[in-house]
Amino acid sequence: MDKVYQIIATVQSVKGHCDFGYQVGEQVVFDGETVQGRVCLHALYSFLPKVFAMRYGANFPWLEDKDVATHACPDAFNPVVFEIRRVEESNTEDQ
């Protein structure tokens, strides 16, 4: 793999009542080995395919910025909207 990406999911908006308690600005960081931050399993289940695809370089032609997507959790009555951002990591290892 030529490039390695970290994915950061940031809560952009919360409408209604999120039972998990998400607040705007909270982040979940995926680095390929760990997941850092609080993550609702319902939201995770729904946005994980996008996170996985973006981590490995997928491009979605409908995005204005190839490194930024949005995703809403599956609760239609109380949606939490996430920004899914791809950030290039350095591909060096400490030896």
C-alpha atoms as a PDB file:
ATOM      1  CA  MET A   1       0.000   0.000   0.000  1.00  0.00           C
ATOM      2  CA  ASP A   2       1.481   3.332  -1.069  1.00  0.00           C
ATOM      3  CA  LYS A   3      -0.277   5.551   1.429  1.00  0.00           C
ATOM      4  CA  VAL A   4      -1.491   4.879   4.933  1.00  0.00           C
ATOM      5  CA  TYR A   5      -4.440   6.855   6.242  1.00  0.00           C
ATOM      6  CA  GLN A   6      -5.806   7.583   9.658  1.00  0.00           C
ATOM      7  CA  ILE A   7      -9.565   8.124   9.750  1.00  0.00           C
ATOM      8  CA  ILE A   8     -11.149  10.606  12.133  1.00  0.00           C
ATOM      9  CA  ALA A   9     -14.914  10.557  12.656  1.00  0.00           C
ATOM     10  CA  THR A  10     -16.075  13.828  14.239  1.00  0.00           C
ATOM     11  CA  VAL A  11     -19.615  14.490  15.451  1.00  0.00           C
ATOM     12  CA  GLN A  12     -20.937  17.390  13.351  1.00  0.00           C
ATOM     13  CA  SER A  13     -24.505  17.571  14.631  1.00  0.00           C
ATOM     14  CA  VAL A  14     -26.927  15.881  17.012  1.00  0.00           C
ATOM     15  CA  LYS A  15     -30.658  16.279  16.389  1.00  0.00           C
ATOM     16  CA  GLY A  16     -33.151  15.011  18.911  1.00  0.00           C
ATOM     17  CA  HIS A  17     -31.812  12.869  21.757  1.00  0.00           C
ATOM     18  CA  CYS A  18     -28.797  10.603  21.271  1.00  0.00           C
ATOM     19  CA  ASP A  19     -29.060   7.793  23.845  1.00  0.00           C
ATOM     20  CA  PHE A  20     -25.284   7.322  23.621  1.00  0.00           C
ATOM     21  CA  GLY A  21     -24.813  10.959  24.611  1.00  0.00           C
ATOM     22  CA  TYR A  22     -22.715  12.177  21.698  1.00  0.00           C
ATOM     23  CA  GLN A  23     -21.837  15.871  21.706  1.00  0.00           C
ATOM     24  CA  VAL A  24     -20.743  17.993  18.739  1.00  0.00           C
ATOM     25  CA  GLY A  25     -16.967  17.834  18.365  1.00  0.00           C
ATOM     26  CA  GLU A  26     -16.420  14.356  19.855  1.00  0.00           C
ATOM     27  CA  GLN A  27     -14.040  12.232  17.793  1.00  0.00           C
ATOM     28  CA  VAL A  28     -13.358   8.579  17.125  1.00  0.00           C
ATOM     29  CA  VAL A  29      -9.944   7.865  15.574  1.00  0.00           C
ATOM     30  CA  PHE A  30      -9.154   4.740  13.537  1.00  0.00           C
ATOM     31  CA  ASP A  31      -5.471   4.059  12.864  1.00  0.00           C
ATOM     32  CA  GLY A  32      -5.708   0.520  11.545  1.00  0.00           C
ATOM     33  CA  GLU A  33      -4.722  -1.071  14.834  1.00  0.00           C
ATOM     34  CA  THR A  34      -6.745   0.772  17.449  1.00  0.00           C
ATOM     35  CA  VAL A  35      -9.951   2.723  17.822  1.00  0.00           C
ATOM     36  CA  GLN A  36      -9.571   5.753  20.089  1.00  0.00           C
ATOM     37  CA  GLY A  37     -12.550   7.528  21.593  1.00  0.00           C
ATOM     38  CA  ARG A  38     -16.059   6.621  22.645  1.00  0.00           C
ATOM     39  CA  VAL A  39     -17.947   4.845  19.896  1.00  0.00           C
ATOM     40  CA  CYS A  40     -21.591   3.854  19.726  1.00  0.00           C
ATOM     41  CA  LEU A  41     -21.844   0.358  18.271  1.00  0.00           C
ATOM     42  CA  HIS A  42     -24.899   1.311  16.180  1.00  0.00           C
ATOM     43  CA  ALA A  43     -23.074   4.234  14.571  1.00  0.00           C
ATOM     44  CA  LEU A  44     -19.884   2.163  14.203  1.00  0.00           C
ATOM     45  CA  TYR A  45     -21.715  -0.640  12.442  1.00  0.00           C
ATOM     46  CA  SER A  46     -23.196   1.797   9.931  1.00  0.00           C
ATOM     47  CA  PHE A  47     -20.111   3.884   9.102  1.00  0.00           C
ATOM     48  CA  LEU A  48     -17.406   1.193   9.333  1.00  0.00           C
ATOM     49  CA  PRO A  49     -17.601   0.251   5.610  1.00  0.00           C
ATOM     50  CA  LYS A  50     -16.920   3.898   4.701  1.00  0.00           C
ATOM     51  CA  VAL A  51     -14.091   4.114   7.252  1.00  0.00           C
ATOM     52  CA  PHE A  52     -12.528   0.914   5.905  1.00  0.00           C
ATOM     53  CA  ALA A  53     -12.814   2.012   2.269  1.00  0.00           C
ATOM     54  CA  MET A  54     -11.354   5.458   2.925  1.00  0.00           C
ATOM     55  CA  ARG A  55      -8.512   4.015   5.015  1.00  0.00           C
ATOM     56  CA  TYR A  56      -7.377   2.017   2.004  1.00  0.00           C
ATOM     57  CA  GLY A  57      -7.635   4.840  -0.513  1.00  0.00           C
ATOM     58  CA  ALA A  58     -11.140   4.535  -1.950  1.00  0.00           C
ATOM     59  CA  ASN A  59     -12.464   7.613  -3.702  1.00  0.00           C
ATOM     60  CA  PHE A  60     -16.150   8.416  -3.953  1.00  0.00           C
ATOM     61  CA  PRO A  61     -16.904  10.478  -7.089  1.00  0.00           C
ATOM     62  CA  TRP A  62     -19.767  12.406  -5.457  1.00  0.00           C
ATOM     63  CA  LEU A  63     -17.559  13.970  -2.764  1.00  0.00           C
ATOM     64  CA  GLU A  64     -16.346  17.532  -3.277  1.00  0.00           C
ATOM     65  CA  ASP A  65     -13.253  16.721  -1.186  1.00  0.00           C
ATOM     66  CA  LYS A  66     -12.031  13.143  -1.685  1.00  0.00           C
ATOM     67  CA  ASP A  67     -10.796  13.070   1.923  1.00  0.00           C
ATOM     68  CA  VAL A  68     -14.023  14.178   3.636  1.00  0.00           C
ATOM     69  CA  ALA A  69     -17.373  12.373   3.739  1.00  0.00           C
ATOM     70  CA  THR A  70     -20.394  12.666   5.995  1.00  0.00           C
ATOM     71  CA  HIS A  71     -22.383   9.873   7.542  1.00  0.00           C
ATOM     72  CA  ALA A  72     -25.536   9.815   9.680  1.00  0.00           C
ATOM     73  CA  CYS A  73     -26.176   7.186  12.315  1.00  0.00           C
ATOM     74  CA  PRO A  74     -29.106   4.865  11.574  1.00  0.00           C
ATOM     75  CA  ASP A  75     -31.531   6.456  14.065  1.00  0.00           C
ATOM     76  CA  ALA A  76     -33.801   8.424  11.701  1.00  0.00           C
ATOM     77  CA  PHE A  77     -35.616  10.167  14.580  1.00  0.00           C
ATOM     78  CA  ASN A  78     -32.453  11.250  16.436  1.00  0.00           C
ATOM     79  CA  PRO A  79     -29.674  11.434  13.846  1.00  0.00           C
ATOM     80  CA  VAL A  80     -26.076  12.047  14.757  1.00  0.00           C
ATOM     81  CA  VAL A  81     -24.094  13.222  11.736  1.00  0.00           C
ATOM     82  CA  PHE A  82     -20.386  12.473  11.531  1.00  0.00           C
ATOM     83  CA  GLU A  83     -17.680  13.947   9.344  1.00  0.00           C
ATOM     84  CA  ILE A  84     -15.430  11.097   8.213  1.00  0.00           C
ATOM     85  CA  ARG A  85     -12.006  12.581   7.407  1.00  0.00           C
ATOM     86  CA  ARG A  86      -9.018  10.796   5.888  1.00  0.00           C
ATOM     87  CA  VAL A  87      -5.608  12.036   7.060  1.00  0.00           C
ATOM     88  CA  GLU A  88      -2.394  10.771   5.530  1.00  0.00           C
ATOM     89  CA  GLU A  89      -0.036   9.209   8.075  1.00  0.00           C
ATOM     90  CA  SER A  90       3.710   9.063   7.759  1.00  0.00           C
ATOM     91  CA  ASN A  91       4.740   5.619   6.574  1.00  0.00           C
ATOM     92  CA  THR A  92       7.835   5.291   8.758  1.00  0.00           C
ATOM     93  CA  GLU A  93       8.588   2.846  11.524  1.00  0.00           C
ATOM     94  CA  ASP A  94      10.873   3.406  14.508  1.00  0.00           C
ATOM     95  CA  GLN A  95      13.646   0.887  14.474  1.00  0.00           C
END
